[in-house]
Amino acid sequence: MMDFYQRLRDKVRERLPACRPILDHAVDPDWKRRWLLRTAREIAWEEGYVLGPREMKGVLEKLLDDILGLGPLEALMRDEEITEIMVNGPHKVYVERDGILFPAEVSLQEDEIHRIIDRIIGPLGLHVDEASPYVDARLPDGSRVNVILPPLSLLGPVITIRKFRSRPITLKEMTENGCLGSAEADFLSRCVRERKNVVISGGAGTGKTTLLNALSSFIDPRERIITLEDAAELRLQQPHVVPLETRPPNLEGRGEVTLRDLLRNALRMRPDRIIIGEVRGAEALDLLQALNTGHRGSLTTVHANSPLDALSRLETMALTAGVGLPAEAIREQIEQAVDVLVHMERNPAGERSVSDIRCMQRNGFGRGRLVPFRELAARAADGLTVMPKGPGGERTVERR
């Protein structure tokens, strides 16, 4: 069966150059699928191959994966339980299920890996080779891809795919899964509705973007939302969303558009809210200035080990903007801009959870300190609901 499949696949590939539309990335994928199935059946008939309906169906599905998809990785892409796929050079493929890594029953030759890489980056006009040996890309379904080649990778070509859920997880589902408590969920949803600035911190793969997506559902659908990302992962459900994505430099090193560039442009687009997928550089200063000049209700994520580390990282990133502001001035801007810090962690069993929530409580001079959510919850138990103070020192206090 394998020999038959390989012969059939090779003969189909021989006919590909004669059909220009099949090589055109803009052509309807359904048309390509129909052409490929028809061509494969014609070749099977011409060569005298005889297979039963079930065997022929399996061969055609595998052929579609190889010619139009990501080959053996397509089956992993269709598995909803798999969240990440990692190809560590030839013959080594791992997947993540429920936060745990497992070896996959898939083996790839090096030439197959290179074909998959070309299929991913070709339609996007991207390029990767020894001179430029790594690249970030995005699949049509929104899944995020990173590729790195030798000599930087000592294993051979490496592909990492973070899959995109077909349906975003909700805050209710996260609560039911034990990611956070119902009181925490109620508090965070109220913070979003009341236009508090929320920063979500945590390590890689702890669920920061997942929580950001879930919290974004509480934004008023009448608001105009501008999202800024390096690789689009956010899936906001509101009708008035304008997603913007950075652009890497071309082969000549020109044409790069950074998050900082996008943020400066977004401020001219009449946003009600600005959401940044992840703050990782000098754009932190521009974000702080925007939040302190009337653009409230922002959501963003940052890599950090704790809420306090998140503030330190924001300060460090803002300093890299090179505008000459002293650290104390930037620290004051952070205390004025950030209302709520949410920290995510993943335990050894792969379970993701909200491990800490801190709120910025400001005095009459605008200086702030981080207060644990548990302390606010204790105040609420005494009959008061206390929300984080706004930039002018005000706070919402309601008698229940």
Protein backbone atom coordinates (compact mmCIF):
# COMPACT_ATOMS: atom_id res chain seq x y z
CA MET A 1 0.00 0.00 0.00
CA MET A 2 2.82 2.40 0.87
CA ASP A 3 4.57 1.76 -2.46
CA PHE A 4 1.31 2.43 -4.30
CA TYR A 5 0.75 5.63 -2.40
CA GLN A 6 4.27 6.92 -3.06
CA ARG A 7 3.96 6.20 -6.79
CA LEU A 8 0.57 7.90 -6.92
CA ARG A 9 1.87 10.93 -5.00
CA ASP A 10 4.93 11.26 -7.24
CA LYS A 11 2.82 11.11 -10.42
CA VAL A 12 0.40 13.74 -9.07
CA ARG A 13 3.36 15.99 -8.25
CA GLU A 14 4.62 15.58 -11.82
CA ARG A 15 1.38 17.07 -13.09
CA LEU A 16 1.33 20.02 -10.68
CA PRO A 17 3.47 22.39 -12.83
CA ALA A 18 1.07 21.91 -15.76
CA CYS A 19 -1.80 23.22 -13.65
CA ARG A 20 -0.85 26.78 -12.76
CA PRO A 21 -3.92 27.50 -10.55
CA ILE A 22 -2.95 24.68 -8.18
CA LEU A 23 0.28 26.58 -7.44
CA ASP A 24 -1.47 29.91 -6.97
CA HIS A 25 -2.02 30.69 -3.29
CA ALA A 26 -4.97 32.96 -4.13
CA VAL A 27 -7.01 30.20 -5.81
CA ASP A 28 -9.98 28.75 -3.91
CA PRO A 29 -8.78 25.78 -1.78
CA ASP A 30 -11.99 23.86 -2.57
CA TRP A 31 -11.19 24.08 -6.27
CA LYS A 32 -7.67 22.78 -5.61
CA ARG A 33 -9.10 19.91 -3.59
CA ARG A 34 -11.51 18.90 -6.39
CA TRP A 35 -8.74 19.11 -9.03
CA LEU A 36 -6.40 17.00 -6.92
CA LEU A 37 -8.99 14.30 -6.24
CA ARG A 38 -9.97 14.14 -9.91
CA THR A 39 -6.32 13.94 -11.01
CA ALA A 40 -5.51 11.22 -8.48
CA ARG A 41 -8.45 9.09 -9.63
CA GLU A 42 -7.42 9.53 -13.26
CA ILE A 43 -3.87 8.39 -12.50
CA ALA A 44 -5.11 5.41 -10.48
CA TRP A 45 -7.32 4.40 -13.43
CA GLU A 46 -4.57 4.90 -16.02
CA GLU A 47 -2.06 2.88 -14.00
CA GLY A 48 -4.52 0.09 -13.33
CA TYR A 49 -4.52 0.47 -9.54
CA VAL A 50 -7.48 -1.30 -7.94
CA LEU A 51 -8.49 -0.42 -4.40
CA GLY A 52 -11.63 -0.81 -2.36
CA PRO A 53 -13.67 2.31 -1.49
CA ARG A 54 -12.31 2.49 2.06
CA GLU A 55 -8.67 2.09 1.04
CA MET A 56 -9.07 4.60 -1.79
CA LYS A 57 -10.63 7.13 0.58
CA GLY A 58 -7.69 6.79 2.98
CA VAL A 59 -5.17 7.21 0.17
CA LEU A 60 -6.91 10.32 -1.18
CA GLU A 61 -7.12 11.93 2.27
CA LYS A 62 -3.41 11.30 2.84
CA LEU A 63 -2.66 12.73 -0.60
CA LEU A 64 -4.62 15.90 0.15
CA ASP A 65 -2.66 16.32 3.38
CA ASP A 66 0.66 15.86 1.58
CA ILE A 67 -0.02 18.07 -1.44
CA LEU A 68 -2.19 20.84 0.02
CA GLY A 69 -1.60 20.59 3.76
CA LEU A 70 1.19 19.97 6.24
CA GLY A 71 1.64 16.30 5.43
CA PRO A 72 1.71 14.00 8.48
CA LEU A 73 1.18 17.01 10.76
CA GLU A 74 -2.35 17.54 9.41
CA ALA A 75 -3.78 14.77 11.57
CA LEU A 76 -2.25 16.46 14.62
CA MET A 77 -3.67 19.82 13.52
CA ARG A 78 -7.17 18.30 13.39
CA ASP A 79 -6.91 16.87 16.91
CA GLU A 80 -8.71 19.40 19.14
CA GLU A 81 -7.00 18.06 22.27
CA ILE A 82 -3.54 19.00 20.97
CA THR A 83 -2.52 22.59 21.75
CA GLU A 84 1.08 22.63 20.47
CA ILE A 85 3.10 20.66 17.92
CA MET A 86 6.90 20.58 18.05
CA VAL A 87 9.07 19.13 15.28
CA ASN A 88 12.61 18.74 16.66
CA GLY A 89 14.41 17.86 13.46
CA PRO A 90 13.97 14.55 11.61
CA HIS A 91 12.06 11.72 13.33
CA LYS A 92 11.28 13.69 16.51
CA VAL A 93 7.78 15.14 16.89
CA TYR A 94 6.15 16.09 20.19
CA VAL A 95 2.67 17.36 21.04
CA GLU A 96 1.16 19.07 24.07
CA ARG A 97 -2.10 17.77 25.53
CA ASP A 98 -3.53 19.30 28.70
CA GLY A 99 -0.22 21.06 29.36
CA ILE A 100 1.86 17.83 29.16
CA LEU A 101 4.30 16.96 26.35
CA PHE A 102 4.06 13.56 24.64
CA PRO A 103 6.01 12.05 21.73
CA ALA A 104 3.79 11.81 18.65
CA GLU A 105 3.47 8.74 16.49
CA VAL A 106 4.73 10.71 13.51
CA SER A 107 8.12 10.55 11.82
CA LEU A 108 9.36 13.12 9.31
CA GLN A 109 12.34 13.02 6.99
CA GLU A 110 14.35 16.22 6.68
CA ASP A 111 13.12 16.87 3.12
CA GLU A 112 9.51 16.52 4.36
CA ILE A 113 10.18 19.10 7.08
CA HIS A 114 11.55 21.54 4.50
CA ARG A 115 8.48 20.99 2.29
CA ILE A 116 6.22 21.75 5.26
CA ILE A 117 8.19 24.92 6.02
CA ASP A 118 7.87 26.07 2.39
CA ARG A 119 4.14 25.38 2.47
CA ILE A 120 3.75 27.48 5.63
CA ILE A 121 5.83 30.53 4.70
CA GLY A 122 5.45 30.52 0.91
CA PRO A 123 1.91 31.98 0.77
CA LEU A 124 2.96 34.68 3.25
CA GLY A 125 5.88 35.94 1.17
CA LEU A 126 8.31 35.10 3.97
CA HIS A 127 11.79 33.67 3.59
CA VAL A 128 14.04 31.49 5.71
CA ASP A 129 17.50 30.11 4.90
CA GLU A 130 20.97 29.88 6.42
CA ALA A 131 21.45 33.64 6.07
CA SER A 132 18.12 34.36 7.81
CA PRO A 133 17.57 31.14 9.75
CA TYR A 134 14.43 31.86 11.78
CA VAL A 135 10.99 33.25 11.07
CA ASP A 136 7.56 33.67 12.69
CA ALA A 137 4.45 32.95 10.65
CA ARG A 138 0.74 32.31 10.97
CA LEU A 139 -1.39 29.58 9.42
CA PRO A 140 -4.74 30.40 7.76
CA ASP A 141 -6.60 29.19 10.86
CA GLY A 142 -4.62 31.62 13.04
CA SER A 143 -2.19 29.08 14.53
CA ARG A 144 1.20 30.61 15.32
CA VAL A 145 4.35 29.06 13.81
CA ASN A 146 8.04 29.51 14.55
CA VAL A 147 10.74 28.02 12.33
CA ILE A 148 14.46 27.89 13.08
CA LEU A 149 17.10 26.25 10.89
CA PRO A 150 20.74 25.18 11.19
CA PRO A 151 23.30 26.47 12.00
CA LEU A 152 21.29 28.02 14.86
CA SER A 153 19.46 24.75 15.46
CA LEU A 154 21.79 21.83 16.10
CA LEU A 155 18.99 19.27 15.58
CA GLY A 156 18.14 20.23 12.02
CA PRO A 157 15.04 22.23 11.00
CA VAL A 158 12.72 22.86 13.99
CA ILE A 159 9.05 23.83 13.74
CA THR A 160 6.89 24.93 16.67
CA ILE A 161 3.15 25.35 16.09
CA ARG A 162 0.86 26.85 18.71
CA LYS A 163 -2.57 25.83 17.56
CA PHE A 164 -5.50 28.20 17.39
CA ARG A 165 -8.69 27.04 19.06
CA SER A 166 -11.67 26.98 16.71
CA ARG A 167 -13.74 28.45 19.55
CA PRO A 168 -12.26 30.75 22.21
CA ILE A 169 -12.57 29.50 25.78
CA THR A 170 -14.88 31.57 27.99
CA LEU A 171 -14.29 32.88 31.50
CA LYS A 172 -17.08 30.60 32.72
CA GLU A 173 -15.28 27.58 31.29
CA MET A 174 -12.01 28.69 32.89
CA THR A 175 -13.83 28.94 36.22
CA GLU A 176 -15.36 25.49 35.80
CA ASN A 177 -11.93 24.07 34.94
CA GLY A 178 -10.51 25.44 38.18
CA CYS A 179 -8.33 28.07 36.53
CA LEU A 180 -9.76 30.75 38.83
CA GLY A 181 -12.49 31.12 41.42
CA SER A 182 -15.92 32.57 40.78
CA ALA A 183 -15.19 35.60 42.98
CA GLU A 184 -12.02 36.31 41.01
CA ALA A 185 -13.88 35.89 37.72
CA ASP A 186 -16.63 38.29 38.84
CA PHE A 187 -14.05 40.82 39.97
CA LEU A 188 -12.04 40.70 36.71
CA SER A 189 -15.12 40.87 34.50
CA ARG A 190 -16.28 43.93 36.43
CA CYS A 191 -12.85 45.52 36.05
CA VAL A 192 -13.12 45.14 32.27
CA ARG A 193 -16.64 46.54 32.15
CA GLU A 194 -15.55 49.52 34.27
CA ARG A 195 -12.60 50.21 31.94
CA LYS A 196 -9.79 49.36 34.33
CA ASN A 197 -6.36 48.75 32.79
CA VAL A 198 -5.50 45.08 33.26
CA VAL A 199 -2.04 43.53 32.80
CA ILE A 200 -1.81 39.73 32.69
CA SER A 201 1.61 38.31 33.57
CA GLY A 202 3.10 34.83 33.55
CA GLY A 203 5.58 32.56 31.88
CA ALA A 204 5.36 31.05 28.40
CA GLY A 205 2.38 28.76 27.92
CA THR A 206 0.63 29.69 31.17
CA GLY A 207 -2.57 30.85 29.45
CA LYS A 208 -2.09 34.63 29.39
CA THR A 209 -3.59 35.09 25.92
CA THR A 210 -6.39 32.65 26.72
CA LEU A 211 -7.39 34.72 29.75
CA LEU A 212 -7.09 37.97 27.79
CA ASN A 213 -9.42 36.57 25.12
CA ALA A 214 -11.91 35.48 27.79
CA LEU A 215 -11.87 38.86 29.57
CA SER A 216 -12.30 40.75 26.29
CA SER A 217 -15.80 39.30 25.95
CA PHE A 218 -16.95 41.72 28.67
CA ILE A 219 -16.09 44.80 26.58
CA ASP A 220 -19.16 46.74 25.43
CA PRO A 221 -19.96 45.70 21.83
CA ARG A 222 -20.53 49.37 20.94
CA GLU A 223 -16.87 50.21 21.54
CA ARG A 224 -14.20 50.53 18.83
CA ILE A 225 -11.32 48.21 19.74
CA ILE A 226 -7.85 48.29 18.17
CA THR A 227 -5.74 45.15 18.73
CA LEU A 228 -1.97 45.13 18.21
CA GLU A 229 0.04 41.90 17.93
CA ASP A 230 3.25 40.43 16.57
CA ALA A 231 1.32 37.35 15.46
CA ALA A 232 -2.47 37.59 15.55
CA GLU A 233 -3.87 35.29 18.26
CA LEU A 234 -6.67 37.34 19.78
CA ARG A 235 -10.22 36.45 18.80
CA LEU A 236 -12.48 39.21 20.00
CA GLN A 237 -16.19 38.68 19.43
CA GLN A 238 -17.27 42.32 19.26
CA PRO A 239 -18.43 43.71 15.88
CA HIS A 240 -16.12 46.76 15.84
CA VAL A 241 -12.61 45.32 16.10
CA VAL A 242 -9.65 46.51 14.02
CA PRO A 243 -6.76 43.99 14.26
CA LEU A 244 -3.27 45.26 13.43
CA GLU A 245 -0.17 43.09 13.06
CA THR A 246 3.53 43.92 12.95
CA ARG A 247 5.64 43.27 9.87
CA PRO A 248 9.23 41.96 9.84
CA PRO A 249 11.88 43.60 7.63
CA ASN A 250 12.33 42.32 4.09
CA LEU A 251 15.49 40.72 2.73
CA GLU A 252 17.07 44.17 2.38
CA GLY A 253 16.30 44.95 6.02
CA ARG A 254 13.61 47.49 5.13
CA GLY A 255 9.89 47.83 5.66
CA GLU A 256 9.75 46.70 9.28
CA VAL A 257 6.68 47.82 11.25
CA THR A 258 7.05 47.39 15.01
CA LEU A 259 4.49 47.30 17.81
CA ARG A 260 5.61 50.80 18.72
CA ASP A 261 4.82 52.00 15.19
CA LEU A 262 1.39 50.34 15.32
CA LEU A 263 0.61 51.80 18.73
CA ARG A 264 1.44 55.33 17.62
CA ASN A 265 -0.78 54.88 14.57
CA ALA A 266 -3.60 53.30 16.62
CA LEU A 267 -3.83 56.45 18.73
CA ARG A 268 -4.89 58.29 15.56
CA MET A 269 -7.65 55.77 14.80
CA ARG A 270 -10.16 56.96 17.43
CA PRO A 271 -9.90 53.86 19.66
CA ASP A 272 -12.20 53.29 22.60
CA ARG A 273 -9.83 50.59 23.77
CA ILE A 274 -6.35 49.47 22.77
CA ILE A 275 -5.42 45.84 23.36
CA ILE A 276 -1.82 44.70 22.93
CA GLY A 277 -1.30 40.95 22.71
CA GLU A 278 2.05 41.16 24.48
CA VAL A 279 4.25 44.08 25.54
CA ARG A 280 7.87 43.13 25.00
CA GLY A 281 9.85 46.28 24.14
CA ALA A 282 9.99 50.05 23.89
CA GLU A 283 6.27 50.24 23.06
CA ALA A 284 5.71 49.95 26.83
CA LEU A 285 6.44 53.67 27.20
CA ASP A 286 3.96 54.65 24.47
CA LEU A 287 1.34 52.42 26.08
CA LEU A 288 1.85 54.02 29.49
CA GLN A 289 1.52 57.49 27.98
CA ALA A 290 -1.65 56.47 26.14
CA LEU A 291 -3.21 55.01 29.30
CA ASN A 292 -2.41 58.19 31.20
CA THR A 293 -3.97 60.44 28.56
CA GLY A 294 -7.53 59.11 28.49
CA HIS A 295 -7.26 55.73 26.73
CA ARG A 296 -8.61 53.63 29.60
CA GLY A 297 -9.73 50.03 29.61
CA SER A 298 -6.64 48.49 28.03
CA LEU A 299 -5.74 44.81 28.27
CA THR A 300 -2.27 43.39 27.65
CA THR A 301 0.11 40.59 28.67
CA VAL A 302 3.74 40.52 29.73
CA HIS A 303 6.21 37.73 30.46
CA ALA A 304 7.09 37.85 34.16
CA ASN A 305 7.48 35.62 37.22
CA SER A 306 5.16 37.59 39.51
CA PRO A 307 3.04 40.76 39.58
CA LEU A 308 5.96 42.73 41.04
CA ASP A 309 8.26 41.38 38.33
CA ALA A 310 5.70 42.49 35.76
CA LEU A 311 5.95 46.09 37.00
CA SER A 312 9.74 45.88 36.92
CA ARG A 313 9.65 44.52 33.39
CA LEU A 314 7.34 47.32 32.24
CA GLU A 315 9.75 49.82 33.75
CA THR A 316 12.76 48.22 32.08
CA MET A 317 11.03 48.03 28.71
CA ALA A 318 9.92 51.65 28.92
CA LEU A 319 13.51 52.69 29.66
CA THR A 320 14.63 51.05 26.39
CA ALA A 321 12.63 53.67 24.48
CA GLY A 322 15.64 55.92 24.95
CA VAL A 323 13.79 59.18 25.60
CA GLY A 324 15.88 60.07 28.64
CA LEU A 325 13.15 59.84 31.27
CA PRO A 326 14.45 58.91 34.74
CA ALA A 327 13.34 55.59 36.19
CA GLU A 328 11.36 57.35 38.92
CA ALA A 329 9.23 59.21 36.35
CA ILE A 330 8.47 55.97 34.50
CA ARG A 331 7.62 54.28 37.79
CA GLU A 332 5.08 57.01 38.53
CA GLN A 333 3.53 56.53 35.08
CA ILE A 334 3.20 52.80 35.74
CA GLU A 335 1.53 53.43 39.10
CA GLN A 336 -0.92 55.80 37.40
CA ALA A 337 -1.63 53.57 34.39
CA VAL A 338 -1.92 50.01 35.73
CA ASP A 339 -5.07 49.21 37.72
CA VAL A 340 -5.02 45.41 38.01
CA LEU A 341 -2.27 42.79 37.67
CA VAL A 342 -3.24 39.15 37.12
CA HIS A 343 -0.56 36.46 37.34
CA MET A 344 -0.86 33.08 35.60
CA GLU A 345 1.10 29.93 36.40
CA ARG A 346 1.31 26.35 35.16
CA ASN A 347 2.05 23.55 37.64
CA PRO A 348 4.10 20.40 36.90
CA ALA A 349 0.90 18.56 35.94
CA GLY A 350 0.30 21.09 33.17
CA GLU A 351 -2.67 22.77 34.86
CA ARG A 352 -2.92 26.51 34.26
CA SER A 353 -4.37 28.82 36.90
CA VAL A 354 -4.58 32.38 38.15
CA SER A 355 -2.14 32.35 41.06
CA ASP A 356 -2.36 36.00 42.12
CA ILE A 357 -4.37 39.16 41.53
CA ARG A 358 -3.08 42.53 42.70
CA CYS A 359 -4.83 45.89 42.52
CA MET A 360 -3.14 49.28 42.44
CA GLN A 361 -4.37 51.40 45.35
CA ARG A 362 -3.37 55.05 44.99
CA ASN A 363 -3.09 57.80 47.58
CA GLY A 364 -4.12 61.42 47.12
CA PHE A 365 -0.80 62.17 45.43
CA GLY A 366 -1.26 59.49 42.79
CA ARG A 367 1.39 57.15 44.19
CA GLY A 368 0.30 53.56 44.32
CA ARG A 369 0.88 50.24 46.02
CA LEU A 370 -0.21 46.76 45.02
CA VAL A 371 -2.93 45.26 47.21
CA PRO A 372 -3.75 41.52 47.02
CA PHE A 373 -7.23 40.65 45.79
CA ARG A 374 -7.77 38.66 49.00
CA GLU A 375 -7.51 41.88 50.97
CA LEU A 376 -10.16 43.50 48.78
CA ALA A 377 -12.33 40.41 49.15
CA ALA A 378 -12.06 40.71 52.92
CA ARG A 379 -13.26 44.31 52.71
CA ALA A 380 -16.17 43.15 50.53
CA ALA A 381 -17.10 40.63 53.21
CA ASP A 382 -17.49 43.58 55.59
CA GLY A 383 -20.14 45.08 53.32
CA LEU A 384 -18.01 47.15 50.94
CA THR A 385 -17.10 46.45 47.34
CA VAL A 386 -13.86 48.26 46.60
CA MET A 387 -12.61 48.65 43.05
CA PRO A 388 -9.11 49.83 42.14
CA LYS A 389 -8.64 53.57 42.36
CA GLY A 390 -8.58 55.52 39.13
CA PRO A 391 -5.68 57.68 38.01
CA GLY A 392 -6.96 60.67 39.93
CA GLY A 393 -7.13 58.77 43.21
CA GLU A 394 -10.88 58.07 43.08
CA ARG A 395 -12.31 54.63 43.71
CA THR A 396 -15.70 52.99 43.56
CA VAL A 397 -17.16 52.07 46.93
CA GLU A 398 -20.61 50.57 47.13
CA ARG A 399 -22.58 49.66 50.24
CA ARG A 400 -24.29 46.31 49.79
